[in-house]
Each structure stands twice: as C-alpha cells, then as structure tokens.
PDB file of N, CA and C in Angstrom:
ATOM      1  N   MET A   1       2.104 -15.713 -43.335  1.00  0.00           N
ATOM      2  CA  MET A   1       3.406 -15.183 -43.674  1.00  0.00           C
ATOM      3  C   MET A   1       3.929 -15.946 -44.907  1.00  0.00           C
ATOM      4  N   ARG A   2       4.000 -15.279 -46.007  1.00  0.00           N
ATOM      5  CA  ARG A   2       4.271 -15.959 -47.275  1.00  0.00           C
ATOM      6  C   ARG A   2       5.667 -16.527 -47.412  1.00  0.00           C
ATOM      7  N   HIS A   3       6.647 -15.878 -46.851  1.00  0.00           N
ATOM      8  CA  HIS A   3       8.042 -16.267 -47.085  1.00  0.00           C
ATOM      9  C   HIS A   3       8.637 -17.037 -45.923  1.00  0.00           C
ATOM     10  N   GLY A   4       7.830 -17.617 -45.102  1.00  0.00           N
ATOM     11  CA  GLY A   4       8.291 -18.353 -43.946  1.00  0.00           C
ATOM     12  C   GLY A   4       8.298 -17.479 -42.691  1.00  0.00           C
ATOM     13  N   LEU A   5       8.364 -18.110 -41.601  1.00  0.00           N
ATOM     14  CA  LEU A   5       8.309 -17.436 -40.315  1.00  0.00           C
ATOM     15  C   LEU A   5       9.727 -17.274 -39.739  1.00  0.00           C
ATOM     16  N   ARG A   6      10.098 -16.053 -39.446  1.00  0.00           N
ATOM     17  CA  ARG A   6      11.397 -15.805 -38.818  1.00  0.00           C
ATOM     18  C   ARG A   6      11.193 -15.798 -37.301  1.00  0.00           C
ATOM     19  N   LEU A   7      11.846 -16.682 -36.604  1.00  0.00           N
ATOM     20  CA  LEU A   7      11.652 -16.783 -35.165  1.00  0.00           C
ATOM     21  C   LEU A   7      12.426 -15.722 -34.384  1.00  0.00           C
ATOM     22  N   ASP A   8      13.365 -15.027 -35.040  1.00  0.00           N
ATOM     23  CA  ASP A   8      14.148 -14.007 -34.357  1.00  0.00           C
ATOM     24  C   ASP A   8      13.566 -12.601 -34.579  1.00  0.00           C
ATOM     25  N   ALA A   9      12.341 -12.536 -35.104  1.00  0.00           N
ATOM     26  CA  ALA A   9      11.685 -11.268 -35.395  1.00  0.00           C
ATOM     27  C   ALA A   9      10.187 -11.382 -35.113  1.00  0.00           C
ATOM     28  N   ILE A  10       9.475 -10.248 -35.166  1.00  0.00           N
ATOM     29  CA  ILE A  10       8.028 -10.270 -35.062  1.00  0.00           C
ATOM     30  C   ILE A  10       7.457 -10.199 -36.472  1.00  0.00           C
ATOM     31  N   ASN A  11       6.651 -11.173 -36.819  1.00  0.00           N
ATOM     32  CA  ASN A  11       6.054 -11.283 -38.145  1.00  0.00           C
ATOM     33  C   ASN A  11       4.606 -10.865 -38.050  1.00  0.00           C
ATOM     34  N   VAL A  12       4.201  -9.819 -38.818  1.00  0.00           N
ATOM     35  CA  VAL A  12       2.850  -9.291 -38.733  1.00  0.00           C
ATOM     36  C   VAL A  12       2.235  -9.108 -40.121  1.00  0.00           C
ATOM     37  N   ARG A  13       0.902  -9.115 -40.151  1.00  0.00           N
ATOM     38  CA  ARG A  13       0.127  -8.807 -41.343  1.00  0.00           C
ATOM     39  C   ARG A  13      -0.966  -7.856 -40.939  1.00  0.00           C
ATOM     40  N   ARG A  14      -1.326  -6.935 -41.837  1.00  0.00           N
ATOM     41  CA  ARG A  14      -2.405  -5.986 -41.553  1.00  0.00           C
ATOM     42  C   ARG A  14      -3.769  -6.524 -41.995  1.00  0.00           C
ATOM     43  N   VAL A  15      -3.939  -7.814 -41.928  1.00  0.00           N
ATOM     44  CA  VAL A  15      -5.184  -8.441 -42.316  1.00  0.00           C
ATOM     45  C   VAL A  15      -5.714  -9.233 -41.130  1.00  0.00           C
ATOM     46  N   LYS A  16      -7.011  -9.053 -40.850  1.00  0.00           N
ATOM     47  CA  LYS A  16      -7.612  -9.813 -39.760  1.00  0.00           C
ATOM     48  C   LYS A  16      -7.775 -11.277 -40.199  1.00  0.00           C
ATOM     49  N   GLY A  17      -7.571 -12.163 -39.276  1.00  0.00           N
ATOM     50  CA  GLY A  17      -7.789 -13.587 -39.547  1.00  0.00           C
ATOM     51  C   GLY A  17      -9.273 -13.903 -39.518  1.00  0.00           C
ATOM     52  N   PRO A  18      -9.652 -15.132 -39.832  1.00  0.00           N
ATOM     53  CA  PRO A  18     -11.053 -15.530 -39.817  1.00  0.00           C
ATOM     54  C   PRO A  18     -11.716 -15.408 -38.434  1.00  0.00           C
ATOM     55  N   ASP A  19     -10.886 -15.385 -37.400  1.00  0.00           N
ATOM     56  CA  ASP A  19     -11.433 -15.238 -36.030  1.00  0.00           C
ATOM     57  C   ASP A  19     -11.647 -13.780 -35.643  1.00  0.00           C
ATOM     58  N   GLY A  20     -11.296 -12.848 -36.552  1.00  0.00           N
ATOM     59  CA  GLY A  20     -11.526 -11.429 -36.286  1.00  0.00           C
ATOM     60  C   GLY A  20     -10.407 -10.728 -35.555  1.00  0.00           C
ATOM     61  N   TYR A  21      -9.251 -11.374 -35.470  1.00  0.00           N
ATOM     62  CA  TYR A  21      -8.094 -10.793 -34.756  1.00  0.00           C
ATOM     63  C   TYR A  21      -6.954 -10.520 -35.699  1.00  0.00           C
ATOM     64  N   PHE A  22      -6.217  -9.459 -35.406  1.00  0.00           N
ATOM     65  CA  PHE A  22      -4.908  -9.236 -36.042  1.00  0.00           C
ATOM     66  C   PHE A  22      -3.917 -10.104 -35.266  1.00  0.00           C
ATOM     67  N   ALA A  23      -2.926 -10.643 -35.942  1.00  0.00           N
ATOM     68  CA  ALA A  23      -1.999 -11.532 -35.265  1.00  0.00           C
ATOM     69  C   ALA A  23      -0.550 -11.156 -35.559  1.00  0.00           C
ATOM     70  N   ALA A  24       0.290 -11.402 -34.590  1.00  0.00           N
ATOM     71  CA  ALA A  24       1.732 -11.245 -34.746  1.00  0.00           C
ATOM     72  C   ALA A  24       2.382 -12.544 -34.255  1.00  0.00           C
ATOM     73  N   ALA A  25       3.256 -13.113 -35.063  1.00  0.00           N
ATOM     74  CA  ALA A  25       3.914 -14.371 -34.691  1.00  0.00           C
ATOM     75  C   ALA A  25       5.391 -14.128 -34.473  1.00  0.00           C
ATOM     76  N   MET A  26       5.969 -14.861 -33.524  1.00  0.00           N
ATOM     77  CA  MET A  26       7.380 -14.682 -33.172  1.00  0.00           C
ATOM     78  C   MET A  26       7.860 -15.967 -32.460  1.00  0.00           C
ATOM     79  N   GLY A  27       9.174 -16.075 -32.371  1.00  0.00           N
ATOM     80  CA  GLY A  27       9.761 -17.159 -31.612  1.00  0.00           C
ATOM     81  C   GLY A  27       9.572 -16.926 -30.107  1.00  0.00           C
ATOM     82  N   ILE A  28       9.691 -17.983 -29.337  1.00  0.00           N
ATOM     83  CA  ILE A  28       9.546 -17.891 -27.889  1.00  0.00           C
ATOM     84  C   ILE A  28      10.570 -16.926 -27.281  1.00  0.00           C
ATOM     85  N   GLY A  29      11.789 -16.922 -27.817  1.00  0.00           N
ATOM     86  CA  GLY A  29      12.831 -16.026 -27.287  1.00  0.00           C
ATOM     87  C   GLY A  29      12.426 -14.558 -27.410  1.00  0.00           C
ATOM     88  N   VAL A  30      11.897 -14.183 -28.572  1.00  0.00           N
ATOM     89  CA  VAL A  30      11.425 -12.799 -28.782  1.00  0.00           C
ATOM     90  C   VAL A  30      10.237 -12.521 -27.869  1.00  0.00           C
ATOM     91  N   TYR A  31       9.323 -13.494 -27.769  1.00  0.00           N
ATOM     92  CA  TYR A  31       8.147 -13.304 -26.917  1.00  0.00           C
ATOM     93  C   TYR A  31       8.552 -13.039 -25.464  1.00  0.00           C
ATOM     94  N   ARG A  32       9.540 -13.751 -24.981  1.00  0.00           N
ATOM     95  CA  ARG A  32       9.987 -13.572 -23.570  1.00  0.00           C
ATOM     96  C   ARG A  32      10.520 -12.152 -23.380  1.00  0.00           C
ATOM     97  N   LEU A  33      11.135 -11.552 -24.397  1.00  0.00           N
ATOM     98  CA  LEU A  33      11.651 -10.193 -24.280  1.00  0.00           C
ATOM     99  C   LEU A  33      10.546  -9.148 -24.163  1.00  0.00           C
ATOM    100  N   ILE A  34       9.387  -9.408 -24.762  1.00  0.00           N
ATOM    101  CA  ILE A  34       8.312  -8.408 -24.771  1.00  0.00           C
ATOM    102  C   ILE A  34       7.082  -8.887 -24.004  1.00  0.00           C
ATOM    103  N   GLU A  35       7.204  -9.955 -23.269  1.00  0.00           N
ATOM    104  CA  GLU A  35       6.076 -10.553 -22.558  1.00  0.00           C
ATOM    105  C   GLU A  35       5.371  -9.581 -21.620  1.00  0.00           C
ATOM    106  N   GLY A  36       6.109  -8.767 -20.919  1.00  0.00           N
ATOM    107  CA  GLY A  36       5.491  -7.809 -20.012  1.00  0.00           C
ATOM    108  C   GLY A  36       4.595  -6.821 -20.756  1.00  0.00           C
ATOM    109  N   LYS A  37       5.066  -6.316 -21.888  1.00  0.00           N
ATOM    110  CA  LYS A  37       4.272  -5.371 -22.687  1.00  0.00           C
ATOM    111  C   LYS A  37       3.048  -6.062 -23.271  1.00  0.00           C
ATOM    112  N   VAL A  38       3.184  -7.311 -23.683  1.00  0.00           N
ATOM    113  CA  VAL A  38       2.077  -8.075 -24.248  1.00  0.00           C
ATOM    114  C   VAL A  38       0.959  -8.173 -23.206  1.00  0.00           C
ATOM    115  N   HIS A  39       1.304  -8.480 -21.974  1.00  0.00           N
ATOM    116  CA  HIS A  39       0.288  -8.593 -20.913  1.00  0.00           C
ATOM    117  C   HIS A  39      -0.274  -7.233 -20.520  1.00  0.00           C
ATOM    118  N   GLU A  40       0.571  -6.228 -20.540  1.00  0.00           N
ATOM    119  CA  GLU A  40       0.137  -4.861 -20.224  1.00  0.00           C
ATOM    120  C   GLU A  40      -0.927  -4.397 -21.232  1.00  0.00           C
ATOM    121  N   LEU A  41      -0.756  -4.741 -22.500  1.00  0.00           N
ATOM    122  CA  LEU A  41      -1.692  -4.345 -23.551  1.00  0.00           C
ATOM    123  C   LEU A  41      -2.928  -5.267 -23.624  1.00  0.00           C
ATOM    124  N   GLY A  42      -2.899  -6.389 -22.897  1.00  0.00           N
ATOM    125  CA  GLY A  42      -4.066  -7.263 -22.827  1.00  0.00           C
ATOM    126  C   GLY A  42      -4.284  -8.138 -24.029  1.00  0.00           C
ATOM    127  N   PHE A  43      -3.217  -8.575 -24.711  1.00  0.00           N
ATOM    128  CA  PHE A  43      -3.340  -9.433 -25.875  1.00  0.00           C
ATOM    129  C   PHE A  43      -3.668 -10.858 -25.490  1.00  0.00           C
ATOM    130  N   ARG A  44      -4.290 -11.570 -26.414  1.00  0.00           N
ATOM    131  CA  ARG A  44      -4.421 -13.023 -26.301  1.00  0.00           C
ATOM    132  C   ARG A  44      -3.133 -13.643 -26.801  1.00  0.00           C
ATOM    133  N   VAL A  45      -2.680 -14.713 -26.172  1.00  0.00           N
ATOM    134  CA  VAL A  45      -1.432 -15.359 -26.567  1.00  0.00           C
ATOM    135  C   VAL A  45      -1.654 -16.866 -26.739  1.00  0.00           C
ATOM    136  N   GLU A  46      -1.153 -17.393 -27.842  1.00  0.00           N
ATOM    137  CA  GLU A  46      -1.160 -18.836 -28.072  1.00  0.00           C
ATOM    138  C   GLU A  46       0.291 -19.281 -28.247  1.00  0.00           C
ATOM    139  N   LEU A  47       0.727 -20.231 -27.445  1.00  0.00           N
ATOM    140  CA  LEU A  47       2.067 -20.791 -27.562  1.00  0.00           C
ATOM    141  C   LEU A  47       1.945 -22.152 -28.244  1.00  0.00           C
ATOM    142  N   ILE A  48       2.631 -22.274 -29.378  1.00  0.00           N
ATOM    143  CA  ILE A  48       2.575 -23.506 -30.154  1.00  0.00           C
ATOM    144  C   ILE A  48       4.014 -23.924 -30.445  1.00  0.00           C
ATOM    145  N   GLY A  49       4.503 -24.892 -29.725  1.00  0.00           N
ATOM    146  CA  GLY A  49       5.887 -25.320 -29.909  1.00  0.00           C
ATOM    147  C   GLY A  49       6.838 -24.184 -29.574  1.00  0.00           C
ATOM    148  N   ASP A  50       7.694 -23.810 -30.527  1.00  0.00           N
ATOM    149  CA  ASP A  50       8.623 -22.708 -30.311  1.00  0.00           C
ATOM    150  C   ASP A  50       8.153 -21.405 -30.914  1.00  0.00           C
ATOM    151  N   VAL A  51       6.838 -21.295 -31.148  1.00  0.00           N
ATOM    152  CA  VAL A  51       6.232 -20.104 -31.751  1.00  0.00           C
ATOM    153  C   VAL A  51       5.194 -19.531 -30.803  1.00  0.00           C
ATOM    154  N   ALA A  52       5.179 -18.200 -30.672  1.00  0.00           N
ATOM    155  CA  ALA A  52       4.139 -17.510 -29.914  1.00  0.00           C
ATOM    156  C   ALA A  52       3.316 -16.666 -30.884  1.00  0.00           C
ATOM    157  N   ILE A  53       2.012 -16.767 -30.778  1.00  0.00           N
ATOM    158  CA  ILE A  53       1.122 -15.953 -31.614  1.00  0.00           C
ATOM    159  C   ILE A  53       0.355 -15.029 -30.688  1.00  0.00           C
ATOM    160  N   VAL A  54       0.513 -13.741 -30.943  1.00  0.00           N
ATOM    161  CA  VAL A  54      -0.143 -12.711 -30.136  1.00  0.00           C
ATOM    162  C   VAL A  54      -1.271 -12.138 -30.958  1.00  0.00           C
ATOM    163  N   LYS A  55      -2.475 -12.047 -30.365  1.00  0.00           N
ATOM    164  CA  LYS A  55      -3.661 -11.611 -31.107  1.00  0.00           C
ATOM    165  C   LYS A  55      -4.309 -10.411 -30.433  1.00  0.00           C
ATOM    166  N   ALA A  56      -4.844  -9.496 -31.281  1.00  0.00           N
ATOM    167  CA  ALA A  56      -5.534  -8.320 -30.790  1.00  0.00           C
ATOM    168  C   ALA A  56      -6.661  -7.965 -31.746  1.00  0.00           C
ATOM    169  N   LYS A  57      -7.696  -7.315 -31.257  1.00  0.00           N
ATOM    170  CA  LYS A  57      -8.813  -6.911 -32.102  1.00  0.00           C
ATOM    171  C   LYS A  57      -8.499  -5.695 -32.945  1.00  0.00           C
ATOM    172  N   SER A  58      -7.580  -4.826 -32.461  1.00  0.00           N
ATOM    173  CA  SER A  58      -7.318  -3.592 -33.207  1.00  0.00           C
ATOM    174  C   SER A  58      -5.885  -3.531 -33.691  1.00  0.00           C
ATOM    175  N   TRP A  59      -5.727  -2.964 -34.884  1.00  0.00           N
ATOM    176  CA  TRP A  59      -4.382  -2.795 -35.429  1.00  0.00           C
ATOM    177  C   TRP A  59      -3.565  -1.800 -34.621  1.00  0.00           C
ATOM    178  N   SER A  60      -4.233  -0.792 -34.045  1.00  0.00           N
ATOM    179  CA  SER A  60      -3.484   0.216 -33.268  1.00  0.00           C
ATOM    180  C   SER A  60      -2.796  -0.395 -32.069  1.00  0.00           C
ATOM    181  N   SER A  61      -3.399  -1.385 -31.432  1.00  0.00           N
ATOM    182  CA  SER A  61      -2.727  -2.007 -30.286  1.00  0.00           C
ATOM    183  C   SER A  61      -1.553  -2.892 -30.765  1.00  0.00           C
ATOM    184  N   ILE A  62      -1.704  -3.551 -31.894  1.00  0.00           N
ATOM    185  CA  ILE A  62      -0.556  -4.301 -32.477  1.00  0.00           C
ATOM    186  C   ILE A  62       0.545  -3.325 -32.813  1.00  0.00           C
ATOM    187  N   ASN A  63       0.196  -2.166 -33.323  1.00  0.00           N
ATOM    188  CA  ASN A  63       1.163  -1.147 -33.691  1.00  0.00           C
ATOM    189  C   ASN A  63       1.940  -0.650 -32.473  1.00  0.00           C
ATOM    190  N   ARG A  64       1.253  -0.520 -31.345  1.00  0.00           N
ATOM    191  CA  ARG A  64       1.940  -0.121 -30.098  1.00  0.00           C
ATOM    192  C   ARG A  64       3.014  -1.166 -29.712  1.00  0.00           C
ATOM    193  N   LEU A  65       2.649  -2.442 -29.864  1.00  0.00           N
ATOM    194  CA  LEU A  65       3.605  -3.499 -29.584  1.00  0.00           C
ATOM    195  C   LEU A  65       4.781  -3.448 -30.555  1.00  0.00           C
ATOM    196  N   ILE A  66       4.513  -3.197 -31.822  1.00  0.00           N
ATOM    197  CA  ILE A  66       5.568  -3.110 -32.844  1.00  0.00           C
ATOM    198  C   ILE A  66       6.518  -1.963 -32.493  1.00  0.00           C
ATOM    199  N   ASN A  67       5.994  -0.803 -32.132  1.00  0.00           N
ATOM    200  CA  ASN A  67       6.841   0.327 -31.774  1.00  0.00           C
ATOM    201  C   ASN A  67       7.704   0.032 -30.557  1.00  0.00           C
ATOM    202  N   TYR A  68       7.111  -0.647 -29.571  1.00  0.00           N
ATOM    203  CA  TYR A  68       7.879  -1.031 -28.374  1.00  0.00           C
ATOM    204  C   TYR A  68       8.997  -2.000 -28.745  1.00  0.00           C
ATOM    205  N   ALA A  69       8.680  -2.991 -29.580  1.00  0.00           N
ATOM    206  CA  ALA A  69       9.681  -3.963 -29.990  1.00  0.00           C
ATOM    207  C   ALA A  69      10.809  -3.290 -30.765  1.00  0.00           C
ATOM    208  N   ARG A  70      10.462  -2.378 -31.671  1.00  0.00           N
ATOM    209  CA  ARG A  70      11.483  -1.655 -32.438  1.00  0.00           C
ATOM    210  C   ARG A  70      12.427  -0.884 -31.490  1.00  0.00           C
ATOM    211  N   SER A  71      11.843  -0.280 -30.454  1.00  0.00           N
ATOM    212  CA  SER A  71      12.671   0.481 -29.501  1.00  0.00           C
ATOM    213  C   SER A  71      13.638  -0.440 -28.755  1.00  0.00           C
ATOM    214  N   MET A  72      13.314  -1.714 -28.703  1.00  0.00           N
ATOM    215  CA  MET A  72      14.201  -2.692 -28.061  1.00  0.00           C
ATOM    216  C   MET A  72      15.155  -3.336 -29.037  1.00  0.00           C
ATOM    217  N   GLY A  73      15.107  -2.945 -30.329  1.00  0.00           N
ATOM    218  CA  GLY A  73      16.009  -3.487 -31.328  1.00  0.00           C
ATOM    219  C   GLY A  73      15.539  -4.774 -31.969  1.00  0.00           C
ATOM    220  N   ILE A  74      14.274  -5.133 -31.792  1.00  0.00           N
ATOM    221  CA  ILE A  74      13.731  -6.370 -32.394  1.00  0.00           C
ATOM    222  C   ILE A  74      13.278  -6.066 -33.815  1.00  0.00           C
ATOM    223  N   SER A  75      13.625  -6.936 -34.748  1.00  0.00           N
ATOM    224  CA  SER A  75      13.220  -6.748 -36.144  1.00  0.00           C
ATOM    225  C   SER A  75      11.738  -7.034 -36.331  1.00  0.00           C
ATOM    226  N   ILE A  76      11.147  -6.271 -37.259  1.00  0.00           N
ATOM    227  CA  ILE A  76       9.722  -6.437 -37.574  1.00  0.00           C
ATOM    228  C   ILE A  76       9.630  -6.812 -39.039  1.00  0.00           C
ATOM    229  N   ILE A  77       8.907  -7.890 -39.337  1.00  0.00           N
ATOM    230  CA  ILE A  77       8.677  -8.326 -40.716  1.00  0.00           C
ATOM    231  C   ILE A  77       7.186  -8.092 -41.001  1.00  0.00           C
ATOM    232  N   GLU A  78       6.876  -7.143 -41.899  1.00  0.00           N
ATOM    233  CA  GLU A  78       5.473  -6.895 -42.282  1.00  0.00           C
ATOM    234  C   GLU A  78       5.205  -7.497 -43.636  1.00  0.00           C
ATOM    235  N   ASP A  79       4.163  -8.289 -43.720  1.00  0.00           N
ATOM    236  CA  ASP A  79       3.793  -8.954 -44.950  1.00  0.00           C
ATOM    237  C   ASP A  79       2.557  -8.305 -45.515  1.00  0.00           C
TER     238      ASP A  79
END
C-alpha cells in the first residue's frame, strides 16, 4: 500500500504477493466487523499487532469480501 495503511478501511491491491495470494489489510476493528464472512469464505488470516491481513488465492473471493464490506458501510482503498 503506497500511501500508508488506513486502519479504518480495507486496503487491497489486485496484485498477487510472492506467496501467490491476494491480500487485504485492515485494522482489527474492521476485521472484527467482517470476521464471520472472512471465515465463511475460507480466507487465511494473519494478525500482526493492530493489523489483520486476509489472504486468498483468487481475486473473485476477495471481491466478494469487498462487496460485503461495502454493504456494511466500510470504506475500501484500492491501490
């Protein structure tokens, strides 16, 4: 994320990382709001301090999470 990480939003990039996963980063507060959907979709989750990183192999599954978060009023930052 080039311009810094916003903890009150979901930060995503349409580029796979070196591990082969698409990732979305967010603050723990935002993660707690969508935690049920994250587990329902079967994402990998890494909690690092006050940041949660959600990982998936396909962009379409990340997109489903983005659409769900938007419906809840959560901001999405796409880089």
